[in-house]
N, C-alpha and C. Protein backbone atom coordinates (compact mmCIF):
# COMPACT_ATOMS: atom_id res chain seq x y z
N MET A 1 7.69 23.22 -33.96
CA MET A 1 6.80 23.74 -32.97
C MET A 1 7.30 25.05 -32.39
N GLY A 2 8.57 25.37 -32.58
CA GLY A 2 9.12 26.59 -32.02
C GLY A 2 8.46 27.83 -32.59
N GLY A 3 8.01 27.81 -33.85
CA GLY A 3 7.39 28.97 -34.45
C GLY A 3 5.88 28.96 -34.35
N LEU A 4 5.31 28.14 -33.49
CA LEU A 4 3.86 28.03 -33.36
C LEU A 4 3.30 29.33 -32.82
N GLN A 5 2.39 29.92 -33.56
CA GLN A 5 1.71 31.14 -33.11
C GLN A 5 0.35 30.74 -32.57
N GLY A 6 -0.09 31.38 -31.53
CA GLY A 6 -1.39 31.04 -31.00
C GLY A 6 -1.65 31.73 -29.69
N ALA A 7 -2.51 31.09 -28.91
CA ALA A 7 -2.95 31.67 -27.65
C ALA A 7 -2.53 30.77 -26.50
N ALA A 8 -2.34 31.39 -25.35
CA ALA A 8 -2.02 30.64 -24.14
C ALA A 8 -3.32 30.06 -23.59
N VAL A 9 -3.39 28.74 -23.50
CA VAL A 9 -4.59 28.13 -22.94
C VAL A 9 -4.51 28.01 -21.42
N ARG A 10 -3.29 27.93 -20.90
CA ARG A 10 -3.10 27.90 -19.45
C ARG A 10 -1.75 28.51 -19.11
N VAL A 11 -1.67 29.07 -17.89
CA VAL A 11 -0.43 29.67 -17.40
C VAL A 11 -0.25 29.23 -15.95
N THR A 12 0.98 28.86 -15.59
CA THR A 12 1.29 28.46 -14.22
C THR A 12 2.70 28.93 -13.86
N PRO A 13 2.91 29.26 -12.59
CA PRO A 13 4.27 29.63 -12.18
C PRO A 13 5.19 28.42 -12.03
N GLU A 14 4.63 27.21 -12.03
CA GLU A 14 5.40 26.00 -11.79
C GLU A 14 5.75 25.31 -13.11
N ARG A 15 7.02 25.09 -13.35
CA ARG A 15 7.46 24.43 -14.58
C ARG A 15 6.97 22.98 -14.64
N ASP A 16 7.00 22.29 -13.52
CA ASP A 16 6.55 20.89 -13.50
C ASP A 16 5.09 20.77 -13.91
N ARG A 17 4.26 21.68 -13.44
CA ARG A 17 2.84 21.66 -13.81
C ARG A 17 2.67 21.91 -15.30
N ALA A 18 3.42 22.86 -15.84
CA ALA A 18 3.36 23.14 -17.27
C ALA A 18 3.82 21.94 -18.09
N ASP A 19 4.83 21.23 -17.59
CA ASP A 19 5.29 20.01 -18.28
C ASP A 19 4.20 18.94 -18.27
N GLU A 20 3.46 18.82 -17.17
CA GLU A 20 2.35 17.86 -17.12
C GLU A 20 1.33 18.18 -18.21
N TRP A 21 0.97 19.45 -18.31
CA TRP A 21 -0.01 19.86 -19.31
C TRP A 21 0.52 19.58 -20.72
N ALA A 22 1.80 19.82 -20.93
CA ALA A 22 2.39 19.57 -22.24
C ALA A 22 2.32 18.08 -22.60
N VAL A 23 2.53 17.21 -21.62
CA VAL A 23 2.43 15.77 -21.86
C VAL A 23 1.01 15.39 -22.25
N VAL A 24 0.02 16.01 -21.58
CA VAL A 24 -1.38 15.73 -21.91
C VAL A 24 -1.66 16.10 -23.36
N LEU A 25 -1.22 17.26 -23.77
CA LEU A 25 -1.46 17.69 -25.15
C LEU A 25 -0.68 16.84 -26.14
N ALA A 26 0.53 16.45 -25.80
CA ALA A 26 1.31 15.58 -26.68
C ALA A 26 0.61 14.23 -26.84
N ALA A 27 0.03 13.72 -25.77
CA ALA A 27 -0.67 12.44 -25.82
C ALA A 27 -1.91 12.51 -26.70
N THR A 28 -2.53 13.66 -26.75
CA THR A 28 -3.74 13.81 -27.58
C THR A 28 -3.40 14.28 -28.99
N GLY A 29 -2.14 14.54 -29.25
CA GLY A 29 -1.72 14.92 -30.61
C GLY A 29 -1.97 16.38 -30.95
N ILE A 30 -2.06 17.23 -29.97
CA ILE A 30 -2.28 18.66 -30.20
C ILE A 30 -0.93 19.37 -30.18
N PRO A 31 -0.56 20.03 -31.30
CA PRO A 31 0.71 20.77 -31.32
C PRO A 31 0.69 21.89 -30.28
N HIS A 32 1.80 22.06 -29.59
CA HIS A 32 1.87 23.04 -28.52
C HIS A 32 3.32 23.43 -28.28
N ARG A 33 3.49 24.44 -27.43
CA ARG A 33 4.82 24.79 -26.96
C ARG A 33 4.69 25.48 -25.62
N LEU A 34 5.77 25.42 -24.85
CA LEU A 34 5.83 26.10 -23.57
C LEU A 34 6.64 27.37 -23.74
N ARG A 35 6.19 28.43 -23.11
CA ARG A 35 6.92 29.70 -23.23
C ARG A 35 6.96 30.36 -21.86
N ARG A 36 8.15 30.82 -21.49
CA ARG A 36 8.34 31.51 -20.21
C ARG A 36 7.87 32.95 -20.39
N ARG A 37 7.00 33.38 -19.48
CA ARG A 37 6.50 34.76 -19.49
C ARG A 37 6.66 35.33 -18.09
N PRO A 38 6.48 36.64 -17.94
CA PRO A 38 6.62 37.24 -16.60
C PRO A 38 5.63 36.66 -15.58
N ASP A 39 4.46 36.22 -16.05
CA ASP A 39 3.47 35.68 -15.12
C ASP A 39 3.60 34.17 -14.92
N GLY A 40 4.56 33.52 -15.58
CA GLY A 40 4.78 32.09 -15.40
C GLY A 40 5.00 31.39 -16.72
N TRP A 41 4.77 30.07 -16.72
CA TRP A 41 4.92 29.25 -17.92
C TRP A 41 3.59 29.17 -18.64
N ALA A 42 3.60 29.54 -19.93
CA ALA A 42 2.38 29.54 -20.73
C ALA A 42 2.40 28.35 -21.68
N LEU A 43 1.25 27.71 -21.80
CA LEU A 43 1.07 26.60 -22.74
C LEU A 43 0.37 27.18 -23.96
N ILE A 44 1.10 27.24 -25.07
CA ILE A 44 0.61 27.89 -26.29
C ILE A 44 0.14 26.84 -27.28
N VAL A 45 -1.04 27.06 -27.86
CA VAL A 45 -1.56 26.20 -28.92
C VAL A 45 -2.11 27.08 -30.03
N ALA A 46 -2.29 26.48 -31.20
CA ALA A 46 -2.89 27.22 -32.32
C ALA A 46 -4.34 27.56 -31.99
N PRO A 47 -4.84 28.68 -32.51
CA PRO A 47 -6.21 29.09 -32.19
C PRO A 47 -7.25 28.01 -32.52
N LEU A 48 -7.05 27.27 -33.61
CA LEU A 48 -8.02 26.24 -33.99
C LEU A 48 -7.99 25.05 -33.02
N ASP A 49 -6.89 24.86 -32.31
CA ASP A 49 -6.75 23.75 -31.37
C ASP A 49 -7.07 24.14 -29.93
N ALA A 50 -7.39 25.41 -29.69
CA ALA A 50 -7.57 25.89 -28.32
C ALA A 50 -8.70 25.15 -27.60
N ARG A 51 -9.86 24.97 -28.25
CA ARG A 51 -10.99 24.29 -27.61
C ARG A 51 -10.64 22.84 -27.27
N ALA A 52 -10.03 22.13 -28.21
CA ALA A 52 -9.64 20.73 -27.96
C ALA A 52 -8.60 20.64 -26.85
N ALA A 53 -7.67 21.60 -26.82
CA ALA A 53 -6.64 21.60 -25.77
C ALA A 53 -7.27 21.83 -24.40
N LEU A 54 -8.19 22.78 -24.31
CA LEU A 54 -8.85 23.04 -23.03
C LEU A 54 -9.68 21.83 -22.58
N ASP A 55 -10.36 21.19 -23.52
CA ASP A 55 -11.13 19.99 -23.18
C ASP A 55 -10.22 18.87 -22.66
N ALA A 56 -9.09 18.66 -23.33
CA ALA A 56 -8.14 17.62 -22.90
C ALA A 56 -7.58 17.93 -21.52
N LEU A 57 -7.23 19.17 -21.28
CA LEU A 57 -6.67 19.56 -19.99
C LEU A 57 -7.72 19.48 -18.88
N ASP A 58 -8.95 19.86 -19.19
CA ASP A 58 -10.03 19.75 -18.20
C ASP A 58 -10.28 18.29 -17.84
N GLY A 59 -10.27 17.42 -18.86
CA GLY A 59 -10.44 15.99 -18.62
C GLY A 59 -9.32 15.44 -17.74
N TYR A 60 -8.10 15.90 -18.01
CA TYR A 60 -6.96 15.48 -17.20
C TYR A 60 -7.13 15.93 -15.75
N ASP A 61 -7.58 17.16 -15.56
CA ASP A 61 -7.78 17.66 -14.19
C ASP A 61 -8.86 16.87 -13.46
N ARG A 62 -9.95 16.54 -14.16
CA ARG A 62 -11.02 15.74 -13.53
C ARG A 62 -10.49 14.35 -13.15
N GLU A 63 -9.73 13.73 -14.05
CA GLU A 63 -9.17 12.40 -13.78
C GLU A 63 -8.21 12.45 -12.60
N LYS A 64 -7.39 13.48 -12.56
CA LYS A 64 -6.43 13.62 -11.47
C LYS A 64 -7.15 13.85 -10.14
N GLN A 65 -8.24 14.62 -10.16
CA GLN A 65 -9.00 14.86 -8.94
C GLN A 65 -9.68 13.57 -8.48
N ASP A 66 -10.20 12.78 -9.42
CA ASP A 66 -10.82 11.50 -9.06
C ASP A 66 -9.80 10.58 -8.41
N GLU A 67 -8.58 10.55 -8.95
CA GLU A 67 -7.53 9.70 -8.39
C GLU A 67 -7.17 10.14 -6.98
N SER A 68 -7.09 11.46 -6.75
CA SER A 68 -6.74 11.93 -5.41
C SER A 68 -7.88 11.64 -4.43
N ALA A 69 -9.13 11.68 -4.89
CA ALA A 69 -10.26 11.33 -4.02
C ALA A 69 -10.21 9.85 -3.67
N ASP A 70 -9.84 9.00 -4.65
CA ASP A 70 -9.71 7.57 -4.38
C ASP A 70 -8.61 7.29 -3.37
N THR A 71 -7.52 8.04 -3.47
CA THR A 71 -6.41 7.86 -2.54
C THR A 71 -6.84 8.20 -1.13
N VAL A 72 -7.61 9.26 -0.97
CA VAL A 72 -8.08 9.65 0.35
C VAL A 72 -9.06 8.60 0.88
N ALA A 73 -9.89 8.04 0.01
CA ALA A 73 -10.86 7.03 0.43
C ALA A 73 -10.17 5.73 0.82
N ASP A 74 -8.99 5.46 0.25
CA ASP A 74 -8.28 4.22 0.54
C ASP A 74 -7.56 4.23 1.89
N VAL A 75 -7.46 5.39 2.52
CA VAL A 75 -6.78 5.48 3.81
C VAL A 75 -7.64 4.77 4.85
N VAL A 76 -7.05 3.83 5.53
CA VAL A 76 -7.77 3.04 6.52
C VAL A 76 -7.68 3.73 7.88
N PRO A 77 -8.82 3.96 8.51
CA PRO A 77 -8.76 4.58 9.84
C PRO A 77 -8.21 3.59 10.85
N PRO A 78 -7.58 4.08 11.90
CA PRO A 78 -7.03 3.16 12.91
C PRO A 78 -8.15 2.37 13.59
N VAL A 79 -7.83 1.14 13.92
CA VAL A 79 -8.81 0.27 14.58
C VAL A 79 -8.85 0.64 16.06
N GLY A 80 -10.03 0.92 16.54
CA GLY A 80 -10.19 1.26 17.95
C GLY A 80 -9.85 0.08 18.84
N GLY A 81 -9.10 0.30 19.88
CA GLY A 81 -8.77 -0.77 20.81
C GLY A 81 -7.55 -1.59 20.42
N ALA A 82 -6.93 -1.28 19.28
CA ALA A 82 -5.77 -2.06 18.84
C ALA A 82 -4.62 -1.92 19.84
N THR A 83 -4.44 -0.74 20.38
CA THR A 83 -3.36 -0.53 21.34
C THR A 83 -3.63 -1.33 22.62
N ALA A 84 -4.87 -1.31 23.07
CA ALA A 84 -5.22 -2.05 24.28
C ALA A 84 -5.05 -3.55 24.06
N LEU A 85 -5.44 -4.03 22.88
CA LEU A 85 -5.27 -5.45 22.57
C LEU A 85 -3.79 -5.83 22.54
N GLY A 86 -2.98 -5.00 21.93
CA GLY A 86 -1.54 -5.25 21.88
C GLY A 86 -0.93 -5.29 23.28
N ALA A 87 -1.36 -4.37 24.13
CA ALA A 87 -0.85 -4.36 25.51
C ALA A 87 -1.29 -5.61 26.26
N ALA A 88 -2.54 -6.06 26.04
CA ALA A 88 -3.03 -7.27 26.71
C ALA A 88 -2.24 -8.50 26.27
N VAL A 89 -1.96 -8.61 24.97
CA VAL A 89 -1.17 -9.74 24.48
C VAL A 89 0.24 -9.70 25.05
N ALA A 90 0.82 -8.51 25.11
CA ALA A 90 2.17 -8.39 25.68
C ALA A 90 2.18 -8.82 27.14
N LEU A 91 1.18 -8.40 27.91
CA LEU A 91 1.11 -8.80 29.32
C LEU A 91 0.89 -10.31 29.45
N LEU A 92 0.08 -10.88 28.57
CA LEU A 92 -0.14 -12.32 28.59
C LEU A 92 1.16 -13.09 28.33
N LEU A 93 1.93 -12.63 27.35
CA LEU A 93 3.21 -13.28 27.06
C LEU A 93 4.19 -13.15 28.21
N ILE A 94 4.22 -11.99 28.83
CA ILE A 94 5.08 -11.81 30.00
C ILE A 94 4.64 -12.73 31.13
N GLY A 95 3.31 -12.90 31.29
CA GLY A 95 2.79 -13.82 32.30
C GLY A 95 3.21 -15.25 32.02
N PHE A 96 3.13 -15.69 30.75
CA PHE A 96 3.58 -17.04 30.41
C PHE A 96 5.06 -17.22 30.72
N PHE A 97 5.85 -16.20 30.42
CA PHE A 97 7.28 -16.29 30.72
C PHE A 97 7.52 -16.38 32.22
N ALA A 98 6.72 -15.64 33.00
CA ALA A 98 6.88 -15.69 34.45
C ALA A 98 6.57 -17.09 34.98
N VAL A 99 5.60 -17.79 34.36
CA VAL A 99 5.23 -19.13 34.81
C VAL A 99 6.27 -20.16 34.35
N THR A 100 6.65 -20.10 33.07
CA THR A 100 7.54 -21.13 32.53
C THR A 100 9.00 -20.86 32.83
N GLY A 101 9.39 -19.60 32.91
CA GLY A 101 10.79 -19.26 33.10
C GLY A 101 11.56 -19.46 31.80
N PRO A 102 12.83 -19.10 31.79
CA PRO A 102 13.62 -19.28 30.57
C PRO A 102 13.96 -20.75 30.34
N ARG A 103 14.23 -21.12 29.13
CA ARG A 103 14.55 -22.50 28.77
C ARG A 103 15.82 -22.98 29.48
N ALA A 104 16.74 -22.09 29.70
CA ALA A 104 18.02 -22.46 30.31
C ALA A 104 17.85 -22.98 31.73
N GLU A 105 16.75 -22.65 32.42
CA GLU A 105 16.54 -23.12 33.79
C GLU A 105 15.94 -24.52 33.85
N HIS A 106 15.67 -25.14 32.71
CA HIS A 106 15.15 -26.50 32.62
C HIS A 106 13.86 -26.70 33.42
N SER A 107 12.90 -25.82 33.20
CA SER A 107 11.63 -25.94 33.92
C SER A 107 10.85 -27.14 33.40
N ALA A 108 9.84 -27.54 34.15
CA ALA A 108 9.02 -28.71 33.78
C ALA A 108 8.30 -28.46 32.45
N TRP A 109 7.95 -27.22 32.17
CA TRP A 109 7.26 -26.89 30.92
C TRP A 109 8.12 -27.24 29.72
N PHE A 110 9.38 -26.85 29.79
CA PHE A 110 10.27 -27.13 28.67
C PHE A 110 10.67 -28.60 28.63
N ALA A 111 10.76 -29.23 29.79
CA ALA A 111 11.12 -30.65 29.83
C ALA A 111 10.06 -31.50 29.13
N ARG A 112 8.79 -31.19 29.36
CA ARG A 112 7.72 -31.96 28.72
C ARG A 112 7.73 -31.75 27.20
N GLY A 113 7.91 -30.53 26.76
CA GLY A 113 7.95 -30.27 25.32
C GLY A 113 9.18 -30.85 24.67
N SER A 114 10.29 -30.81 25.37
CA SER A 114 11.54 -31.34 24.83
C SER A 114 11.49 -32.85 24.71
N ALA A 115 10.77 -33.52 25.61
CA ALA A 115 10.69 -34.97 25.55
C ALA A 115 10.07 -35.41 24.23
N ALA A 116 9.03 -34.75 23.79
CA ALA A 116 8.40 -35.10 22.51
C ALA A 116 9.36 -34.80 21.37
N THR A 117 10.09 -33.73 21.48
CA THR A 117 11.05 -33.38 20.45
C THR A 117 12.15 -34.42 20.37
N GLU A 118 12.62 -34.87 21.52
CA GLU A 118 13.69 -35.88 21.53
C GLU A 118 13.22 -37.18 20.87
N ARG A 119 11.96 -37.56 21.09
CA ARG A 119 11.44 -38.78 20.47
C ARG A 119 11.36 -38.62 18.95
N ILE A 120 11.01 -37.44 18.50
CA ILE A 120 10.93 -37.19 17.05
C ILE A 120 12.33 -37.28 16.45
N VAL A 121 13.30 -36.63 17.10
CA VAL A 121 14.67 -36.65 16.61
C VAL A 121 15.26 -38.05 16.70
N ALA A 122 14.83 -38.82 17.70
CA ALA A 122 15.37 -40.15 17.92
C ALA A 122 14.84 -41.19 16.92
N GLY A 123 13.94 -40.83 16.05
CA GLY A 123 13.51 -41.80 15.05
C GLY A 123 12.02 -41.91 14.85
N GLU A 124 11.24 -41.01 15.41
CA GLU A 124 9.79 -41.04 15.21
C GLU A 124 9.35 -39.75 14.49
N PRO A 125 9.78 -39.53 13.23
CA PRO A 125 9.46 -38.28 12.56
C PRO A 125 7.97 -38.12 12.23
N THR A 126 7.20 -39.21 12.23
CA THR A 126 5.78 -39.10 11.91
C THR A 126 4.94 -38.81 13.15
N ARG A 127 5.56 -38.74 14.31
CA ARG A 127 4.81 -38.55 15.56
C ARG A 127 3.93 -37.30 15.54
N PRO A 128 4.41 -36.12 15.15
CA PRO A 128 3.52 -34.95 15.18
C PRO A 128 2.37 -35.07 14.17
N ILE A 129 2.62 -35.68 13.03
CA ILE A 129 1.57 -35.83 12.01
C ILE A 129 0.50 -36.78 12.52
N CYS A 130 0.93 -37.91 13.08
CA CYS A 130 -0.04 -38.89 13.61
C CYS A 130 -0.85 -38.28 14.74
N SER A 131 -0.20 -37.53 15.59
CA SER A 131 -0.88 -36.91 16.72
C SER A 131 -1.94 -35.93 16.23
N ALA A 132 -1.58 -35.09 15.28
CA ALA A 132 -2.54 -34.12 14.75
C ALA A 132 -3.69 -34.82 14.03
N THR A 133 -3.38 -35.89 13.31
CA THR A 133 -4.42 -36.62 12.59
C THR A 133 -5.38 -37.27 13.56
N ARG A 134 -4.87 -37.87 14.61
CA ARG A 134 -5.74 -38.51 15.60
C ARG A 134 -6.65 -37.49 16.26
N ARG A 135 -6.12 -36.33 16.55
CA ARG A 135 -6.96 -35.30 17.18
C ARG A 135 -8.06 -34.87 16.23
N ARG A 136 -7.74 -34.67 14.98
CA ARG A 136 -8.76 -34.27 14.00
C ARG A 136 -9.78 -35.38 13.82
N ALA A 137 -9.31 -36.62 13.73
CA ALA A 137 -10.23 -37.73 13.53
C ALA A 137 -11.18 -37.84 14.71
N SER A 138 -10.67 -37.69 15.93
CA SER A 138 -11.55 -37.79 17.09
C SER A 138 -12.53 -36.63 17.09
N PHE A 139 -12.11 -35.48 16.60
CA PHE A 139 -13.01 -34.33 16.53
C PHE A 139 -14.16 -34.62 15.57
N TRP A 140 -13.84 -35.22 14.42
CA TRP A 140 -14.90 -35.54 13.45
C TRP A 140 -15.86 -36.59 14.00
N TRP A 141 -15.37 -37.53 14.82
CA TRP A 141 -16.26 -38.54 15.38
C TRP A 141 -17.21 -37.91 16.39
N VAL A 142 -16.78 -36.88 17.08
CA VAL A 142 -17.62 -36.24 18.08
C VAL A 142 -18.80 -35.54 17.43
N ARG A 143 -18.63 -35.00 16.27
CA ARG A 143 -19.71 -34.30 15.58
C ARG A 143 -20.79 -35.26 15.32
């Protein structure tokens, strides 16, 4: 390919861009070479392959533009009110903490929850399952 004579189908100042074009032509089986010129990197192909090379490169550009448009369309806009909702939840949690206090102070809230836990640890491992089942069963009877 080093002695390939022909015409420059594209020229770019960026080597990476020229390499992309070369990969496109290699994938389509069009003989080519890259050549450094004063105006940038030239992609050289044989005159008989010039039309096919331009078609392949144009197709690549269209595909690349479609992909970039899809990427822009995939960007999700921020949800309005998300910050306010987050602040409300944070204040609600702080309010619960103010009512219950820390676990180390042995408040009534933790004492009631711990009592059920102690019964489970003490030998009633099915207690939470039975409790949840009874609640669901009573819910179905109400319907």
